[in-house]
Amino acid sequence: MKRILLAAALGLAFAGAASAAPVTYKIDPNHTDVVASWSHFGFSNPIAHFGKVDGSITYDAAKPAASSVQVTIPLDGLDSHVPDFDEHLKSADFFDAAKYPNITFKSTKVEAAGANKLKVTGDLTVHGVTKPAVLDVNINKVGEQPMAKRAAAGFDATTTLKRSEFGIGKYVPNVSDEVKIRITTEAIVPKK
């Protein structure tokens, strides 16, 4: 009897999950921020914000492997709050934004990683170099966004990269090779 009840409960749970479908959201650049931080000679840990993020997130809560992310980050949205430093970061010493104006990320695999957590693996292209990157993602909320009156999803993610692997190794090791990335994003189902 216990087995029958357990099988019925599991059947109902999976039937509800199976009826869910992937939902594709457009990233809201007004509520998305990509922040990079690094060590400067061990004295400070400066940060730079990367705004104007564009892209989409397809999320399937019932089957995370059916989810995907595709993002473009224009370097003209880079902001360290120090205009001269922004120009230096965009110069050939670092990002060479005139030649490589965008950073892109395209997921290759999405996996469940615990309650409200995902591990997103993808191809990150910076400075014309593409390398795999893994994002540790927290699912903040999925539901109706009260201002837009449409379905929305919010995520935070972190990763650590070595900038030298992307051909941006100027001043290593005095300026740390490791760069910590923190992302927060809100994405909304587009209007029909």
Protein backbone atom coordinates (compact mmCIF):
# COMPACT_ATOMS: atom_id res chain seq x y z
CA MET A 1 0.00 0.00 0.00
CA LYS A 2 2.83 2.40 0.90
CA ARG A 3 4.45 1.71 -2.47
CA ILE A 4 1.23 2.48 -4.32
CA LEU A 5 0.78 5.78 -2.45
CA LEU A 6 4.43 6.71 -3.02
CA ALA A 7 4.17 5.86 -6.73
CA ALA A 8 0.97 7.91 -7.04
CA ALA A 9 2.53 10.89 -5.25
CA LEU A 10 5.64 10.74 -7.44
CA GLY A 11 3.48 10.37 -10.54
CA LEU A 12 1.50 13.49 -9.65
CA ALA A 13 4.66 15.45 -8.84
CA PHE A 14 6.31 14.52 -12.12
CA ALA A 15 3.12 15.05 -14.13
CA GLY A 16 2.95 18.64 -12.84
CA ALA A 17 6.64 19.21 -13.55
CA ALA A 18 6.41 17.61 -17.00
CA SER A 19 3.65 20.00 -18.04
CA ALA A 20 5.91 23.00 -17.44
CA ALA A 21 7.67 24.34 -20.50
CA PRO A 22 10.81 26.40 -20.94
CA VAL A 23 10.20 30.15 -20.78
CA THR A 24 12.41 32.62 -22.64
CA TYR A 25 13.10 35.96 -20.96
CA LYS A 26 14.80 39.08 -22.34
CA ILE A 27 17.46 40.52 -20.05
CA ASP A 28 16.48 43.91 -18.61
CA PRO A 29 19.63 46.06 -18.86
CA ASN A 30 18.17 48.51 -16.30
CA HIS A 31 18.16 45.77 -13.66
CA THR A 32 21.31 43.90 -14.67
CA ASP A 33 24.86 44.56 -13.55
CA VAL A 34 28.08 42.68 -14.20
CA VAL A 35 30.77 43.67 -11.69
CA ALA A 36 34.46 42.75 -11.93
CA SER A 37 36.93 43.14 -9.05
CA TRP A 38 40.64 42.47 -8.71
CA SER A 39 43.61 43.23 -6.48
CA HIS A 40 45.74 46.29 -7.23
CA PHE A 41 49.23 45.58 -5.82
CA GLY A 42 47.51 44.14 -2.75
CA PHE A 43 46.50 47.64 -1.61
CA SER A 44 42.96 47.83 -2.93
CA ASN A 45 40.29 45.86 -4.75
CA PRO A 46 38.91 48.14 -7.46
CA ILE A 47 35.70 47.34 -9.30
CA ALA A 48 34.28 48.01 -12.73
CA HIS A 49 30.66 47.72 -13.79
CA PHE A 50 29.63 46.45 -17.19
CA GLY A 51 26.24 47.82 -18.16
CA LYS A 52 24.08 47.81 -21.29
CA VAL A 53 23.85 44.00 -21.10
CA ASP A 54 21.75 42.44 -23.86
CA GLY A 55 20.60 38.87 -24.23
CA SER A 56 18.13 36.19 -23.32
CA ILE A 57 17.66 33.49 -20.73
CA THR A 58 15.59 30.40 -21.36
CA TYR A 59 14.71 28.72 -18.08
CA ASP A 60 12.97 25.40 -17.54
CA ALA A 61 12.43 24.81 -13.81
CA ALA A 62 11.32 21.21 -14.40
CA LYS A 63 14.25 20.36 -16.66
CA PRO A 64 17.21 22.69 -16.04
CA ALA A 65 19.23 20.99 -18.81
CA ALA A 66 16.74 22.52 -21.31
CA SER A 67 17.71 26.01 -20.07
CA SER A 68 20.17 28.32 -21.84
CA VAL A 69 21.76 31.76 -21.65
CA GLN A 70 23.05 34.04 -24.38
CA VAL A 71 24.52 37.43 -23.44
CA THR A 72 26.34 40.31 -25.12
CA ILE A 73 28.10 42.92 -22.98
CA PRO A 74 29.16 46.01 -24.97
CA LEU A 75 32.38 47.50 -23.62
CA ASP A 76 31.02 51.01 -24.15
CA GLY A 77 28.97 50.29 -21.02
CA LEU A 78 32.09 49.77 -18.87
CA ASP A 79 32.11 52.11 -15.86
CA SER A 80 34.66 52.17 -13.04
CA HIS A 81 33.40 55.62 -11.94
CA VAL A 82 36.80 57.01 -13.02
CA PRO A 83 36.60 58.20 -16.67
CA ASP A 84 40.39 58.13 -17.26
CA PHE A 85 40.56 54.58 -15.92
CA ASP A 86 37.62 53.54 -18.12
CA GLU A 87 39.56 54.75 -21.16
CA HIS A 88 42.67 52.85 -20.00
CA LEU A 89 40.64 49.64 -19.55
CA LYS A 90 39.19 50.07 -23.06
CA SER A 91 42.66 50.71 -24.55
CA ALA A 92 44.93 48.15 -26.22
CA ASP A 93 46.60 47.60 -22.80
CA PHE A 94 43.50 45.70 -21.70
CA PHE A 95 40.23 45.10 -23.59
CA ASP A 96 41.18 46.84 -26.88
CA ALA A 97 37.53 47.81 -27.24
CA ALA A 98 38.05 49.46 -30.63
CA LYS A 99 38.97 46.03 -32.03
CA TYR A 100 36.86 43.84 -29.69
CA PRO A 101 33.81 45.93 -28.73
CA ASN A 102 31.82 43.16 -27.01
CA ILE A 103 32.13 40.41 -24.45
CA THR A 104 29.84 37.45 -25.14
CA PHE A 105 28.70 34.38 -23.20
CA LYS A 106 26.75 31.48 -24.66
CA SER A 107 25.84 28.56 -22.43
CA THR A 108 26.71 25.01 -23.46
CA LYS A 109 25.29 23.22 -20.40
CA VAL A 110 22.96 24.03 -17.51
CA GLU A 111 22.74 21.74 -14.48
CA ALA A 112 20.75 21.78 -11.25
CA ALA A 113 23.13 22.36 -8.32
CA GLY A 114 20.81 22.18 -5.30
CA ALA A 115 17.79 24.12 -4.11
CA ASN A 116 17.45 27.31 -6.19
CA LYS A 117 20.95 26.81 -7.61
CA LEU A 118 22.31 26.11 -11.09
CA LYS A 119 25.72 25.54 -12.60
CA VAL A 120 25.91 27.16 -16.03
CA THR A 121 28.84 26.26 -18.29
CA GLY A 122 29.44 28.21 -21.47
CA ASP A 123 31.76 29.81 -23.96
CA LEU A 124 33.01 33.22 -22.81
CA THR A 125 34.60 35.42 -25.46
CA VAL A 126 36.72 38.35 -24.27
CA HIS A 127 39.36 40.20 -26.31
CA GLY A 128 38.73 37.86 -29.26
CA VAL A 129 39.56 34.75 -27.17
CA THR A 130 36.94 32.12 -26.34
CA LYS A 131 37.35 29.96 -23.23
CA PRO A 132 34.97 27.86 -21.15
CA ALA A 133 33.58 29.53 -18.04
CA VAL A 134 31.39 28.17 -15.26
CA LEU A 135 28.86 30.35 -13.44
CA ASP A 136 27.52 29.44 -10.01
CA VAL A 137 23.95 30.70 -10.17
CA ASN A 138 21.34 31.46 -7.52
CA ILE A 139 17.73 31.61 -8.66
CA ASN A 140 16.39 34.69 -6.88
CA LYS A 141 12.77 34.61 -8.00
CA VAL A 142 10.57 33.43 -10.84
CA GLY A 143 7.07 34.90 -11.15
CA GLU A 144 5.14 37.92 -12.33
CA GLN A 145 7.09 41.17 -12.27
CA PRO A 146 4.61 43.63 -10.69
CA MET A 147 5.66 46.68 -12.71
CA ALA A 148 5.76 44.94 -16.10
CA LYS A 149 2.78 42.66 -15.37
CA ARG A 150 4.61 39.87 -17.18
CA ALA A 151 6.53 36.75 -16.21
CA ALA A 152 10.05 37.47 -14.99
CA ALA A 153 13.04 35.68 -13.53
CA GLY A 154 15.94 36.98 -11.44
CA PHE A 155 19.35 35.39 -11.01
CA ASP A 156 22.67 36.15 -9.32
CA ALA A 157 25.86 34.47 -10.50
CA THR A 158 29.55 34.41 -9.66
CA THR A 159 32.73 33.13 -11.23
CA THR A 160 36.47 33.78 -11.11
CA LEU A 161 38.52 34.14 -14.29
CA LYS A 162 42.19 34.53 -15.16
CA ARG A 163 42.46 37.54 -17.43
CA SER A 164 45.78 36.37 -18.86
CA GLU A 165 43.94 33.42 -20.45
CA PHE A 166 42.07 35.98 -22.57
CA GLY A 167 45.22 37.87 -23.62
CA ILE A 168 44.72 40.65 -21.06
CA GLY A 169 47.72 40.01 -18.82
CA LYS A 170 49.20 43.49 -18.52
CA TYR A 171 50.77 44.14 -15.07
CA VAL A 172 50.29 40.55 -13.82
CA PRO A 173 51.07 39.63 -11.04
CA ASN A 174 51.08 43.11 -9.44
CA VAL A 175 47.56 43.64 -10.68
CA SER A 176 45.98 40.26 -9.99
CA ASP A 177 45.47 37.79 -12.78
CA GLU A 178 42.34 36.51 -11.05
CA VAL A 179 39.26 38.63 -11.57
CA LYS A 180 36.11 37.97 -9.56
CA ILE A 181 32.88 38.42 -11.47
CA ARG A 182 29.52 39.01 -9.83
CA ILE A 183 26.34 39.22 -11.90
CA THR A 184 22.81 40.17 -10.98
CA THR A 185 20.10 40.10 -13.60
CA GLU A 186 16.39 40.47 -14.00
CA ALA A 187 14.81 39.20 -17.19
CA ILE A 188 11.24 39.59 -18.42
CA VAL A 189 9.14 37.78 -21.02
CA PRO A 190 9.04 40.15 -24.01
CA LYS A 191 5.78 41.88 -24.97
CA LYS A 192 3.91 40.11 -27.75
